[in-house]
PDB file of N, CA and C in Angstrom:
ATOM      1  N   MET A   1      47.674 161.554 196.286  1.00  0.00           N
ATOM      2  CA  MET A   1      48.197 162.421 195.261  1.00  0.00           C
ATOM      3  C   MET A   1      49.529 163.002 195.753  1.00  0.00           C
ATOM      4  N   ARG A   2      50.456 163.111 194.870  1.00  0.00           N
ATOM      5  CA  ARG A   2      51.779 163.619 195.224  1.00  0.00           C
ATOM      6  C   ARG A   2      51.734 165.105 195.573  1.00  0.00           C
ATOM      7  N   PRO A   3      52.618 165.539 196.483  1.00  0.00           N
ATOM      8  CA  PRO A   3      52.597 166.944 196.926  1.00  0.00           C
ATOM      9  C   PRO A   3      52.755 167.955 195.790  1.00  0.00           C
ATOM     10  N   ARG A   4      53.639 167.687 194.851  1.00  0.00           N
ATOM     11  CA  ARG A   4      53.833 168.637 193.750  1.00  0.00           C
ATOM     12  C   ARG A   4      52.587 168.735 192.881  1.00  0.00           C
ATOM     13  N   LEU A   5      51.920 167.627 192.689  1.00  0.00           N
ATOM     14  CA  LEU A   5      50.693 167.615 191.902  1.00  0.00           C
ATOM     15  C   LEU A   5      49.584 168.364 192.636  1.00  0.00           C
ATOM     16  N   LYS A   6      49.523 168.198 193.951  1.00  0.00           N
ATOM     17  CA  LYS A   6      48.554 168.937 194.751  1.00  0.00           C
ATOM     18  C   LYS A   6      48.791 170.440 194.630  1.00  0.00           C
ATOM     19  N   LYS A   7      50.059 170.831 194.597  1.00  0.00           N
ATOM     20  CA  LYS A   7      50.408 172.249 194.489  1.00  0.00           C
ATOM     21  C   LYS A   7      49.945 172.823 193.142  1.00  0.00           C
ATOM     22  N   VAL A   8      50.149 172.085 192.068  1.00  0.00           N
ATOM     23  CA  VAL A   8      49.714 172.529 190.742  1.00  0.00           C
ATOM     24  C   VAL A   8      48.195 172.663 190.714  1.00  0.00           C
ATOM     25  N   LEU A   9      47.512 171.673 191.228  1.00  0.00           N
ATOM     26  CA  LEU A   9      46.056 171.698 191.238  1.00  0.00           C
ATOM     27  C   LEU A   9      45.540 172.851 192.093  1.00  0.00           C
ATOM     28  N   ALA A  10      46.149 173.070 193.242  1.00  0.00           N
ATOM     29  CA  ALA A  10      45.736 174.172 194.118  1.00  0.00           C
ATOM     30  C   ALA A  10      45.891 175.519 193.412  1.00  0.00           C
ATOM     31  N   ALA A  11      46.953 175.673 192.641  1.00  0.00           N
ATOM     32  CA  ALA A  11      47.157 176.920 191.903  1.00  0.00           C
ATOM     33  C   ALA A  11      46.074 177.117 190.854  1.00  0.00           C
ATOM     34  N   ARG A  12      45.680 176.047 190.196  1.00  0.00           N
ATOM     35  CA  ARG A  12      44.632 176.155 189.165  1.00  0.00           C
ATOM     36  C   ARG A  12      43.272 176.432 189.788  1.00  0.00           C
ATOM     37  N   LEU A  13      43.063 175.971 191.006  1.00  0.00           N
ATOM     38  CA  LEU A  13      41.766 176.121 191.647  1.00  0.00           C
ATOM     39  C   LEU A  13      41.710 177.307 192.600  1.00  0.00           C
ATOM     40  N   SER A  14      42.798 178.075 192.700  1.00  0.00           N
ATOM     41  CA  SER A  14      42.831 179.207 193.625  1.00  0.00           C
ATOM     42  C   SER A  14      41.887 180.316 193.162  1.00  0.00           C
ATOM     43  N   LYS A  15      41.660 181.262 194.039  1.00  0.00           N
ATOM     44  CA  LYS A  15      40.766 182.380 193.728  1.00  0.00           C
ATOM     45  C   LYS A  15      41.528 183.555 193.128  1.00  0.00           C
ATOM     46  N   GLU A  16      42.797 183.385 192.869  1.00  0.00           N
ATOM     47  CA  GLU A  16      43.611 184.454 192.300  1.00  0.00           C
ATOM     48  C   GLU A  16      43.580 184.383 190.783  1.00  0.00           C
ATOM     49  N   GLY A  17      43.908 185.485 190.134  1.00  0.00           N
ATOM     50  CA  GLY A  17      43.985 185.500 188.680  1.00  0.00           C
ATOM     51  C   GLY A  17      42.642 185.761 188.034  1.00  0.00           C
ATOM     52  N   SER A  18      42.593 185.510 186.755  1.00  0.00           N
ATOM     53  CA  SER A  18      41.414 185.796 185.948  1.00  0.00           C
ATOM     54  C   SER A  18      40.397 184.657 186.011  1.00  0.00           C
ATOM     55  N   ARG A  19      39.174 184.968 186.365  1.00  0.00           N
ATOM     56  CA  ARG A  19      38.028 184.060 186.329  1.00  0.00           C
ATOM     57  C   ARG A  19      38.263 182.723 187.039  1.00  0.00           C
ATOM     58  N   PRO A  20      38.497 182.740 188.347  1.00  0.00           N
ATOM     59  CA  PRO A  20      38.717 181.478 189.069  1.00  0.00           C
ATOM     60  C   PRO A  20      37.539 180.514 188.965  1.00  0.00           C
ATOM     61  N   ASP A  21      36.319 181.039 188.861  1.00  0.00           N
ATOM     62  CA  ASP A  21      35.153 180.172 188.730  1.00  0.00           C
ATOM     63  C   ASP A  21      35.212 179.368 187.440  1.00  0.00           C
ATOM     64  N   LEU A  22      35.633 180.014 186.364  1.00  0.00           N
ATOM     65  CA  LEU A  22      35.748 179.319 185.083  1.00  0.00           C
ATOM     66  C   LEU A  22      36.917 178.346 185.076  1.00  0.00           C
ATOM     67  N   ARG A  23      38.022 178.699 185.737  1.00  0.00           N
ATOM     68  CA  ARG A  23      39.162 177.776 185.823  1.00  0.00           C
ATOM     69  C   ARG A  23      38.764 176.501 186.545  1.00  0.00           C
ATOM     70  N   ARG A  24      38.067 176.651 187.676  1.00  0.00           N
ATOM     71  CA  ARG A  24      37.640 175.461 188.436  1.00  0.00           C
ATOM     72  C   ARG A  24      36.709 174.597 187.598  1.00  0.00           C
ATOM     73  N   ALA A  25      35.783 175.221 186.919  1.00  0.00           N
ATOM     74  CA  ALA A  25      34.849 174.460 186.076  1.00  0.00           C
ATOM     75  C   ALA A  25      35.582 173.786 184.921  1.00  0.00           C
ATOM     76  N   ALA A  26      36.571 174.472 184.338  1.00  0.00           N
ATOM     77  CA  ALA A  26      37.329 173.896 183.222  1.00  0.00           C
ATOM     78  C   ALA A  26      38.160 172.700 183.680  1.00  0.00           C
ATOM     79  N   VAL A  27      38.801 172.807 184.836  1.00  0.00           N
ATOM     80  CA  VAL A  27      39.577 171.683 185.376  1.00  0.00           C
ATOM     81  C   VAL A  27      38.669 170.475 185.581  1.00  0.00           C
ATOM     82  N   ALA A  28      37.536 170.692 186.212  1.00  0.00           N
ATOM     83  CA  ALA A  28      36.616 169.585 186.507  1.00  0.00           C
ATOM     84  C   ALA A  28      36.067 168.956 185.233  1.00  0.00           C
ATOM     85  N   ARG A  29      35.667 169.780 184.273  1.00  0.00           N
ATOM     86  CA  ARG A  29      35.099 169.253 183.023  1.00  0.00           C
ATOM     87  C   ARG A  29      36.145 168.477 182.232  1.00  0.00           C
ATOM     88  N   ALA A  30      37.348 169.032 182.116  1.00  0.00           N
ATOM     89  CA  ALA A  30      38.412 168.343 181.378  1.00  0.00           C
ATOM     90  C   ALA A  30      38.772 167.027 182.050  1.00  0.00           C
ATOM     91  N   ALA A  31      38.805 167.022 183.365  1.00  0.00           N
ATOM     92  CA  ALA A  31      39.098 165.783 184.089  1.00  0.00           C
ATOM     93  C   ALA A  31      38.021 164.738 183.820  1.00  0.00           C
ATOM     94  N   ALA A  32      36.769 165.153 183.863  1.00  0.00           N
ATOM     95  CA  ALA A  32      35.674 164.215 183.611  1.00  0.00           C
ATOM     96  C   ALA A  32      35.743 163.660 182.189  1.00  0.00           C
ATOM     97  N   LEU A  33      36.079 164.499 181.225  1.00  0.00           N
ATOM     98  CA  LEU A  33      36.188 164.050 179.835  1.00  0.00           C
ATOM     99  C   LEU A  33      37.321 163.049 179.644  1.00  0.00           C
ATOM    100  N   SER A  34      38.326 163.136 180.518  1.00  0.00           N
ATOM    101  CA  SER A  34      39.515 162.300 180.376  1.00  0.00           C
ATOM    102  C   SER A  34      39.542 161.109 181.322  1.00  0.00           C
ATOM    103  N   GLY A  35      38.422 160.833 181.986  1.00  0.00           N
ATOM    104  CA  GLY A  35      38.340 159.644 182.827  1.00  0.00           C
ATOM    105  C   GLY A  35      38.697 159.850 184.274  1.00  0.00           C
ATOM    106  N   GLY A  36      38.864 161.091 184.693  1.00  0.00           N
ATOM    107  CA  GLY A  36      39.201 161.372 186.084  1.00  0.00           C
ATOM    108  C   GLY A  36      38.026 161.964 186.821  1.00  0.00           C
ATOM    109  N   ALA A  37      38.289 162.405 188.025  1.00  0.00           N
ATOM    110  CA  ALA A  37      37.226 163.000 188.829  1.00  0.00           C
ATOM    111  C   ALA A  37      37.801 164.093 189.713  1.00  0.00           C
ATOM    112  N   ILE A  38      37.288 165.300 189.528  1.00  0.00           N
ATOM    113  CA  ILE A  38      37.614 166.431 190.386  1.00  0.00           C
ATOM    114  C   ILE A  38      36.290 167.099 190.701  1.00  0.00           C
ATOM    115  N   ALA A  39      36.051 167.352 191.974  1.00  0.00           N
ATOM    116  CA  ALA A  39      34.790 167.970 192.365  1.00  0.00           C
ATOM    117  C   ALA A  39      34.647 169.340 191.723  1.00  0.00           C
ATOM    118  N   ALA A  40      33.483 169.609 191.198  1.00  0.00           N
ATOM    119  CA  ALA A  40      33.213 170.893 190.562  1.00  0.00           C
ATOM    120  C   ALA A  40      32.068 171.578 191.272  1.00  0.00           C
ATOM    121  N   GLY A  41      32.288 172.813 191.643  1.00  0.00           N
ATOM    122  CA  GLY A  41      31.221 173.579 192.243  1.00  0.00           C
ATOM    123  C   GLY A  41      30.707 174.639 191.291  1.00  0.00           C
ATOM    124  N   ASP A  42      31.411 174.855 190.217  1.00  0.00           N
ATOM    125  CA  ASP A  42      31.067 175.898 189.265  1.00  0.00           C
ATOM    126  C   ASP A  42      30.657 175.269 187.939  1.00  0.00           C
ATOM    127  N   THR A  43      29.799 175.951 187.226  1.00  0.00           N
ATOM    128  CA  THR A  43      29.373 175.453 185.920  1.00  0.00           C
ATOM    129  C   THR A  43      30.150 176.159 184.819  1.00  0.00           C
ATOM    130  N   LEU A  44      30.314 175.469 183.739  1.00  0.00           N
ATOM    131  CA  LEU A  44      31.055 175.984 182.597  1.00  0.00           C
ATOM    132  C   LEU A  44      30.058 176.555 181.590  1.00  0.00           C
ATOM    133  N   PRO A  45      30.223 177.823 181.211  1.00  0.00           N
ATOM    134  CA  PRO A  45      29.316 178.390 180.213  1.00  0.00           C
ATOM    135  C   PRO A  45      29.389 177.624 178.892  1.00  0.00           C
ATOM    136  N   GLU A  46      28.290 177.593 178.191  1.00  0.00           N
ATOM    137  CA  GLU A  46      28.204 176.860 176.924  1.00  0.00           C
ATOM    138  C   GLU A  46      29.287 177.303 175.940  1.00  0.00           C
ATOM    139  N   ALA A  47      29.603 178.602 175.938  1.00  0.00           N
ATOM    140  CA  ALA A  47      30.615 179.123 175.006  1.00  0.00           C
ATOM    141  C   ALA A  47      31.986 178.494 175.234  1.00  0.00           C
ATOM    142  N   LEU A  48      32.238 178.003 176.452  1.00  0.00           N
ATOM    143  CA  LEU A  48      33.537 177.402 176.765  1.00  0.00           C
ATOM    144  C   LEU A  48      33.541 175.881 176.710  1.00  0.00           C
ATOM    145  N   ALA A  49      32.389 175.257 176.715  1.00  0.00           N
ATOM    146  CA  ALA A  49      32.308 173.798 176.783  1.00  0.00           C
ATOM    147  C   ALA A  49      33.055 173.127 175.633  1.00  0.00           C
ATOM    148  N   GLY A  50      32.837 173.589 174.423  1.00  0.00           N
ATOM    149  CA  GLY A  50      33.532 173.008 173.273  1.00  0.00           C
ATOM    150  C   GLY A  50      35.027 173.241 173.317  1.00  0.00           C
ATOM    151  N   TRP A  51      35.410 174.416 173.792  1.00  0.00           N
ATOM    152  CA  TRP A  51      36.844 174.748 173.908  1.00  0.00           C
ATOM    153  C   TRP A  51      37.529 173.806 174.898  1.00  0.00           C
ATOM    154  N   VAL A  52      36.936 173.649 176.068  1.00  0.00           N
ATOM    155  CA  VAL A  52      37.524 172.785 177.095  1.00  0.00           C
ATOM    156  C   VAL A  52      37.603 171.348 176.595  1.00  0.00           C
ATOM    157  N   GLU A  53      36.569 170.896 175.920  1.00  0.00           N
ATOM    158  CA  GLU A  53      36.598 169.530 175.377  1.00  0.00           C
ATOM    159  C   GLU A  53      37.720 169.377 174.348  1.00  0.00           C
ATOM    160  N   LYS A  54      37.889 170.375 173.508  1.00  0.00           N
ATOM    161  CA  LYS A  54      38.934 170.300 172.487  1.00  0.00           C
ATOM    162  C   LYS A  54      40.319 170.317 173.120  1.00  0.00           C
ATOM    163  N   VAL A  55      40.511 171.159 174.122  1.00  0.00           N
ATOM    164  CA  VAL A  55      41.801 171.203 174.823  1.00  0.00           C
ATOM    165  C   VAL A  55      42.076 169.857 175.486  1.00  0.00           C
ATOM    166  N   ALA A  56      41.060 169.279 176.114  1.00  0.00           N
ATOM    167  CA  ALA A  56      41.234 168.020 176.853  1.00  0.00           C
ATOM    168  C   ALA A  56      41.436 166.819 175.946  1.00  0.00           C
ATOM    169  N   ARG A  57      40.778 166.809 174.808  1.00  0.00           N
ATOM    170  CA  ARG A  57      40.796 165.605 173.965  1.00  0.00           C
ATOM    171  C   ARG A  57      41.568 165.731 172.660  1.00  0.00           C
ATOM    172  N   GLN A  58      41.599 166.919 172.061  1.00  0.00           N
ATOM    173  CA  GLN A  58      42.221 167.074 170.738  1.00  0.00           C
ATOM    174  C   GLN A  58      42.890 168.436 170.620  1.00  0.00           C
ATOM    175  N   ALA A  59      43.783 168.744 171.510  1.00  0.00           N
ATOM    176  CA  ALA A  59      44.417 170.068 171.529  1.00  0.00           C
ATOM    177  C   ALA A  59      45.118 170.395 170.214  1.00  0.00           C
ATOM    178  N   TRP A  60      45.602 169.393 169.540  1.00  0.00           N
ATOM    179  CA  TRP A  60      46.314 169.618 168.282  1.00  0.00           C
ATOM    180  C   TRP A  60      45.402 170.151 167.177  1.00  0.00           C
ATOM    181  N   GLU A  61      44.084 170.099 167.386  1.00  0.00           N
ATOM    182  CA  GLU A  61      43.146 170.569 166.374  1.00  0.00           C
ATOM    183  C   GLU A  61      42.656 171.999 166.613  1.00  0.00           C
ATOM    184  N   ILE A  62      43.157 172.665 167.647  1.00  0.00           N
ATOM    185  CA  ILE A  62      42.737 174.035 167.940  1.00  0.00           C
ATOM    186  C   ILE A  62      43.222 174.968 166.836  1.00  0.00           C
ATOM    187  N   THR A  63      42.341 175.871 166.428  1.00  0.00           N
ATOM    188  CA  THR A  63      42.658 176.800 165.344  1.00  0.00           C
ATOM    189  C   THR A  63      42.476 178.241 165.806  1.00  0.00           C
ATOM    190  N   ASP A  64      42.957 179.162 164.990  1.00  0.00           N
ATOM    191  CA  ASP A  64      42.749 180.587 165.259  1.00  0.00           C
ATOM    192  C   ASP A  64      41.264 180.909 165.313  1.00  0.00           C
ATOM    193  N   GLU A  65      40.475 180.210 164.516  1.00  0.00           N
ATOM    194  CA  GLU A  65      39.031 180.442 164.508  1.00  0.00           C
ATOM    195  C   GLU A  65      38.399 180.076 165.852  1.00  0.00           C
ATOM    196  N   ASP A  66      38.919 179.042 166.497  1.00  0.00           N
ATOM    197  CA  ASP A  66      38.417 178.666 167.821  1.00  0.00           C
ATOM    198  C   ASP A  66      38.660 179.797 168.822  1.00  0.00           C
ATOM    199  N   VAL A  67      39.853 180.367 168.770  1.00  0.00           N
ATOM    200  CA  VAL A  67      40.200 181.467 169.675  1.00  0.00           C
ATOM    201  C   VAL A  67      39.343 182.690 169.348  1.00  0.00           C
ATOM    202  N   SER A  68      39.164 182.963 168.076  1.00  0.00           N
ATOM    203  CA  SER A  68      38.331 184.102 167.666  1.00  0.00           C
ATOM    204  C   SER A  68      36.895 183.947 168.159  1.00  0.00           C
ATOM    205  N   ALA A  69      36.382 182.738 168.151  1.00  0.00           N
ATOM    206  CA  ALA A  69      35.026 182.492 168.644  1.00  0.00           C
ATOM    207  C   ALA A  69      34.922 182.796 170.137  1.00  0.00           C
ATOM    208  N   LEU A  70      35.964 182.458 170.892  1.00  0.00           N
ATOM    209  CA  LEU A  70      35.960 182.780 172.323  1.00  0.00           C
ATOM    210  C   LEU A  70      36.019 184.279 172.542  1.00  0.00           C
ATOM    211  N   ARG A  71      36.844 184.961 171.753  1.00  0.00           N
ATOM    212  CA  ARG A  71      36.902 186.422 171.854  1.00  0.00           C
ATOM    213  C   ARG A  71      35.538 187.032 171.529  1.00  0.00           C
ATOM    214  N   ALA A  72      34.905 186.523 170.491  1.00  0.00           N
ATOM    215  CA  ALA A  72      33.588 187.038 170.097  1.00  0.00           C
ATOM    216  C   ALA A  72      32.543 186.788 171.184  1.00  0.00           C
ATOM    217  N   ALA A  73      32.750 185.742 171.977  1.00  0.00           N
ATOM    218  CA  ALA A  73      31.829 185.430 173.074  1.00  0.00           C
ATOM    219  C   ALA A  73      32.111 186.278 174.315  1.00  0.00           C
ATOM    220  N   GLY A  74      33.147 187.136 174.231  1.00  0.00           N
ATOM    221  CA  GLY A  74      33.423 188.064 175.321  1.00  0.00           C
ATOM    222  C   GLY A  74      34.565 187.706 176.243  1.00  0.00           C
ATOM    223  N   PHE A  75      35.351 186.705 175.903  1.00  0.00           N
ATOM    224  CA  PHE A  75      36.477 186.314 176.744  1.00  0.00           C
ATOM    225  C   PHE A  75      37.744 187.011 176.273  1.00  0.00           C
ATOM    226  N   ASP A  76      38.484 187.616 177.225  1.00  0.00           N
ATOM    227  CA  ASP A  76      39.725 188.291 176.859  1.00  0.00           C
ATOM    228  C   ASP A  76      40.892 187.299 176.843  1.00  0.00           C
ATOM    229  N   GLU A  77      42.049 187.783 176.426  1.00  0.00           N
ATOM    230  CA  GLU A  77      43.224 186.915 176.298  1.00  0.00           C
ATOM    231  C   GLU A  77      43.594 186.237 177.621  1.00  0.00           C
ATOM    232  N   ASP A  78      43.536 186.995 178.715  1.00  0.00           N
ATOM    233  CA  ASP A  78      43.885 186.411 180.017  1.00  0.00           C
ATOM    234  C   ASP A  78      42.943 185.271 180.382  1.00  0.00           C
ATOM    235  N   ALA A  79      41.659 185.472 180.195  1.00  0.00           N
ATOM    236  CA  ALA A  79      40.684 184.421 180.522  1.00  0.00           C
ATOM    237  C   ALA A  79      40.890 183.201 179.633  1.00  0.00           C
ATOM    238  N   ILE A  80      41.098 183.420 178.342  1.00  0.00           N
ATOM    239  CA  ILE A  80      41.321 182.296 177.423  1.00  0.00           C
ATOM    240  C   ILE A  80      42.562 181.517 177.826  1.00  0.00           C
ATOM    241  N   PHE A  81      43.635 182.225 178.149  1.00  0.00           N
ATOM    242  CA  PHE A  81      44.875 181.567 178.564  1.00  0.00           C
ATOM    243  C   PHE A  81      44.659 180.744 179.830  1.00  0.00           C
ATOM    244  N   GLU A  82      44.080 181.359 180.850  1.00  0.00           N
ATOM    245  CA  GLU A  82      43.909 180.655 182.127  1.00  0.00           C
ATOM    246  C   GLU A  82      42.961 179.469 182.011  1.00  0.00           C
ATOM    247  N   ILE A  83      41.912 179.606 181.238  1.00  0.00           N
ATOM    248  CA  ILE A  83      40.975 178.491 181.046  1.00  0.00           C
ATOM    249  C   ILE A  83      41.647 177.358 180.273  1.00  0.00           C
ATOM    250  N   THR A  84      42.472 177.719 179.301  1.00  0.00           N
ATOM    251  CA  THR A  84      43.201 176.704 178.536  1.00  0.00           C
ATOM    252  C   THR A  84      44.160 175.931 179.430  1.00  0.00           C
ATOM    253  N   ILE A  85      44.918 176.641 180.249  1.00  0.00           N
ATOM    254  CA  ILE A  85      45.851 175.981 181.175  1.00  0.00           C
ATOM    255  C   ILE A  85      45.081 175.106 182.161  1.00  0.00           C
ATOM    256  N   ALA A  86      43.955 175.610 182.651  1.00  0.00           N
ATOM    257  CA  ALA A  86      43.143 174.827 183.594  1.00  0.00           C
ATOM    258  C   ALA A  86      42.618 173.556 182.942  1.00  0.00           C
ATOM    259  N   ALA A  87      42.135 173.669 181.712  1.00  0.00           N
ATOM    260  CA  ALA A  87      41.619 172.483 181.012  1.00  0.00           C
ATOM    261  C   ALA A  87      42.731 171.473 180.769  1.00  0.00           C
ATOM    262  N   ALA A  88      43.902 171.943 180.366  1.00  0.00           N
ATOM    263  CA  ALA A  88      45.036 171.032 180.142  1.00  0.00           C
ATOM    264  C   ALA A  88      45.463 170.366 181.451  1.00  0.00           C
ATOM    265  N   ALA A  89      45.476 171.139 182.528  1.00  0.00           N
ATOM    266  CA  ALA A  89      45.839 170.575 183.833  1.00  0.00           C
ATOM    267  C   ALA A  89      44.810 169.533 184.276  1.00  0.00           C
ATOM    268  N   GLY A  90      43.538 169.821 184.070  1.00  0.00           N
ATOM    269  CA  GLY A  90      42.490 168.860 184.435  1.00  0.00           C
ATOM    270  C   GLY A  90      42.603 167.572 183.650  1.00  0.00           C
ATOM    271  N   ALA A  91      42.854 167.701 182.350  1.00  0.00           N
ATOM    272  CA  ALA A  91      43.006 166.502 181.514  1.00  0.00           C
ATOM    273  C   ALA A  91      44.238 165.705 181.927  1.00  0.00           C
ATOM    274  N   GLY A  92      45.324 166.397 182.196  1.00  0.00           N
ATOM    275  CA  GLY A  92      46.546 165.715 182.630  1.00  0.00           C
ATOM    276  C   GLY A  92      46.363 165.022 183.969  1.00  0.00           C
ATOM    277  N   LEU A  93      45.702 165.696 184.896  1.00  0.00           N
ATOM    278  CA  LEU A  93      45.452 165.094 186.199  1.00  0.00           C
ATOM    279  C   LEU A  93      44.573 163.857 186.065  1.00  0.00           C
ATOM    280  N   ALA A  94      43.581 163.924 185.211  1.00  0.00           N
ATOM    281  CA  ALA A  94      42.709 162.762 185.005  1.00  0.00           C
ATOM    282  C   ALA A  94      43.494 161.585 184.457  1.00  0.00           C
ATOM    283  N   ARG A  95      44.373 161.844 183.526  1.00  0.00           N
ATOM    284  CA  ARG A  95      45.187 160.762 182.973  1.00  0.00           C
ATOM    285  C   ARG A  95      46.099 160.171 184.039  1.00  0.00           C
ATOM    286  N   TYR A  96      46.591 161.009 184.920  1.00  0.00           N
ATOM    287  CA  TYR A  96      47.385 160.541 186.052  1.00  0.00           C
ATOM    288  C   TYR A  96      46.523 159.639 186.940  1.00  0.00           C
ATOM    289  N   GLN A  97      45.290 160.075 187.241  1.00  0.00           N
ATOM    290  CA  GLN A  97      44.399 159.275 188.077  1.00  0.00           C
ATOM    291  C   GLN A  97      44.112 157.917 187.435  1.00  0.00           C
ATOM    292  N   VAL A  98      43.882 157.906 186.139  1.00  0.00           N
ATOM    293  CA  VAL A  98      43.624 156.656 185.418  1.00  0.00           C
ATOM    294  C   VAL A  98      44.842 155.734 185.524  1.00  0.00           C
ATOM    295  N   ALA A  99      46.033 156.305 185.340  1.00  0.00           N
ATOM    296  CA  ALA A  99      47.262 155.506 185.419  1.00  0.00           C
ATOM    297  C   ALA A  99      47.462 154.933 186.820  1.00  0.00           C
ATOM    298  N   VAL A 100      47.223 155.734 187.836  1.00  0.00           N
ATOM    299  CA  VAL A 100      47.375 155.253 189.218  1.00  0.00           C
ATOM    300  C   VAL A 100      46.405 154.110 189.485  1.00  0.00           C
ATOM    301  N   ARG A 101      45.162 154.251 189.022  1.00  0.00           N
ATOM    302  CA  ARG A 101      44.190 153.155 189.212  1.00  0.00           C
ATOM    303  C   ARG A 101      44.639 151.886 188.500  1.00  0.00           C
ATOM    304  N   ALA A 102      45.195 152.032 187.312  1.00  0.00           N
ATOM    305  CA  ALA A 102      45.660 150.854 186.567  1.00  0.00           C
ATOM    306  C   ALA A 102      46.831 150.192 187.284  1.00  0.00           C
ATOM    307  N   ILE A 103      47.745 150.983 187.792  1.00  0.00           N
ATOM    308  CA  ILE A 103      48.897 150.435 188.511  1.00  0.00           C
ATOM    309  C   ILE A 103      48.435 149.737 189.785  1.00  0.00           C
ATOM    310  N   GLU A 104      47.514 150.368 190.512  1.00  0.00           N
ATOM    311  CA  GLU A 104      47.003 149.755 191.737  1.00  0.00           C
ATOM    312  C   GLU A 104      46.268 148.451 191.443  1.00  0.00           C
ATOM    313  N   ALA A 105      45.507 148.420 190.364  1.00  0.00           N
ATOM    314  CA  ALA A 105      44.792 147.199 190.000  1.00  0.00           C
ATOM    315  C   ALA A 105      45.772 146.086 189.609  1.00  0.00           C
ATOM    316  N   ALA A 106      46.812 146.443 188.887  1.00  0.00           N
ATOM    317  CA  ALA A 106      47.808 145.447 188.501  1.00  0.00           C
ATOM    318  C   ALA A 106      48.574 144.938 189.720  1.00  0.00           C
ATOM    319  N   ALA A 107      48.856 145.825 190.644  1.00  0.00           N
ATOM    320  CA  ALA A 107      49.602 145.440 191.849  1.00  0.00           C
ATOM    321  C   ALA A 107      48.778 144.537 192.761  1.00  0.00           C
ATOM    322  N   SER A 108      47.469 144.729 192.745  1.00  0.00           N
ATOM    323  CA  SER A 108      46.633 143.916 193.654  1.00  0.00           C
ATOM    324  C   SER A 108      46.111 142.641 192.967  1.00  0.00           C
ATOM    325  N   ALA A 109      46.360 142.510 191.684  1.00  0.00           N
ATOM    326  CA  ALA A 109      45.923 141.295 190.983  1.00  0.00           C
ATOM    327  C   ALA A 109      46.774 140.111 191.423  1.00  0.00           C
ATOM    328  N   PRO A 110      46.183 138.931 191.472  1.00  0.00           N
ATOM    329  CA  PRO A 110      46.961 137.757 191.846  1.00  0.00           C
ATOM    330  C   PRO A 110      48.093 137.518 190.843  1.00  0.00           C
ATOM    331  N   ALA A 111      49.208 137.149 191.376  1.00  0.00           N
ATOM    332  CA  ALA A 111      50.366 136.871 190.511  1.00  0.00           C
ATOM    333  C   ALA A 111      50.119 135.622 189.686  1.00  0.00           C
ATOM    334  N   LYS A 112      50.577 135.648 188.452  1.00  0.00           N
ATOM    335  CA  LYS A 112      50.469 134.475 187.586  1.00  0.00           C
ATOM    336  C   LYS A 112      51.577 133.504 187.972  1.00  0.00           C
ATOM    337  N   SER A 113      51.253 132.265 187.895  1.00  0.00           N
ATOM    338  CA  SER A 113      52.221 131.265 188.354  1.00  0.00           C
ATOM    339  C   SER A 113      53.108 130.749 187.234  1.00  0.00           C
ATOM    340  N   GLY A 114      54.320 130.471 187.616  1.00  0.00           N
ATOM    341  CA  GLY A 114      55.276 129.733 186.782  1.00  0.00           C
ATOM    342  C   GLY A 114      55.462 130.152 185.371  1.00  0.00           C
ATOM    343  N   ALA A 115      56.179 129.315 184.660  1.00  0.00           N
ATOM    344  CA  ALA A 115      56.501 129.556 183.252  1.00  0.00           C
ATOM    345  C   ALA A 115      55.335 129.106 182.388  1.00  0.00           C
ATOM    346  N   GLY A 116      55.076 129.872 181.380  1.00  0.00           N
ATOM    347  CA  GLY A 116      53.993 129.540 180.449  1.00  0.00           C
ATOM    348  C   GLY A 116      54.472 128.577 179.401  1.00  0.00           C
ATOM    349  N   GLY A 117      53.552 128.109 178.656  1.00  0.00           N
ATOM    350  CA  GLY A 117      54.031 127.168 177.678  1.00  0.00           C
ATOM    351  C   GLY A 117      53.227 127.011 176.540  1.00  0.00           C
TER     352      GLY A 117
END
């Protein structure tokens, strides 16, 4: 993994800021939903599972009602923001991992010979 990417991931998984346990769980869940793998030691509460999935897979479909549901479940603006960023980072990292695997597989595949016809 590239150093800058490691730095971003370390910031998302750090113990600083609002709800680090939820950020770590959101990163791991979003990565898993997007085809990647990040070790998770924390569990994601049910109230956040749908949110993280939506951020990871269909962020363009998020509505004010989705945010209101999180507020009603007891999450403040800071927690919602940090969990959203963590989920987006996890999904992005997973897509990066998928791309790296595809590039490595293509690079190690036997070269095709000559001109086709």
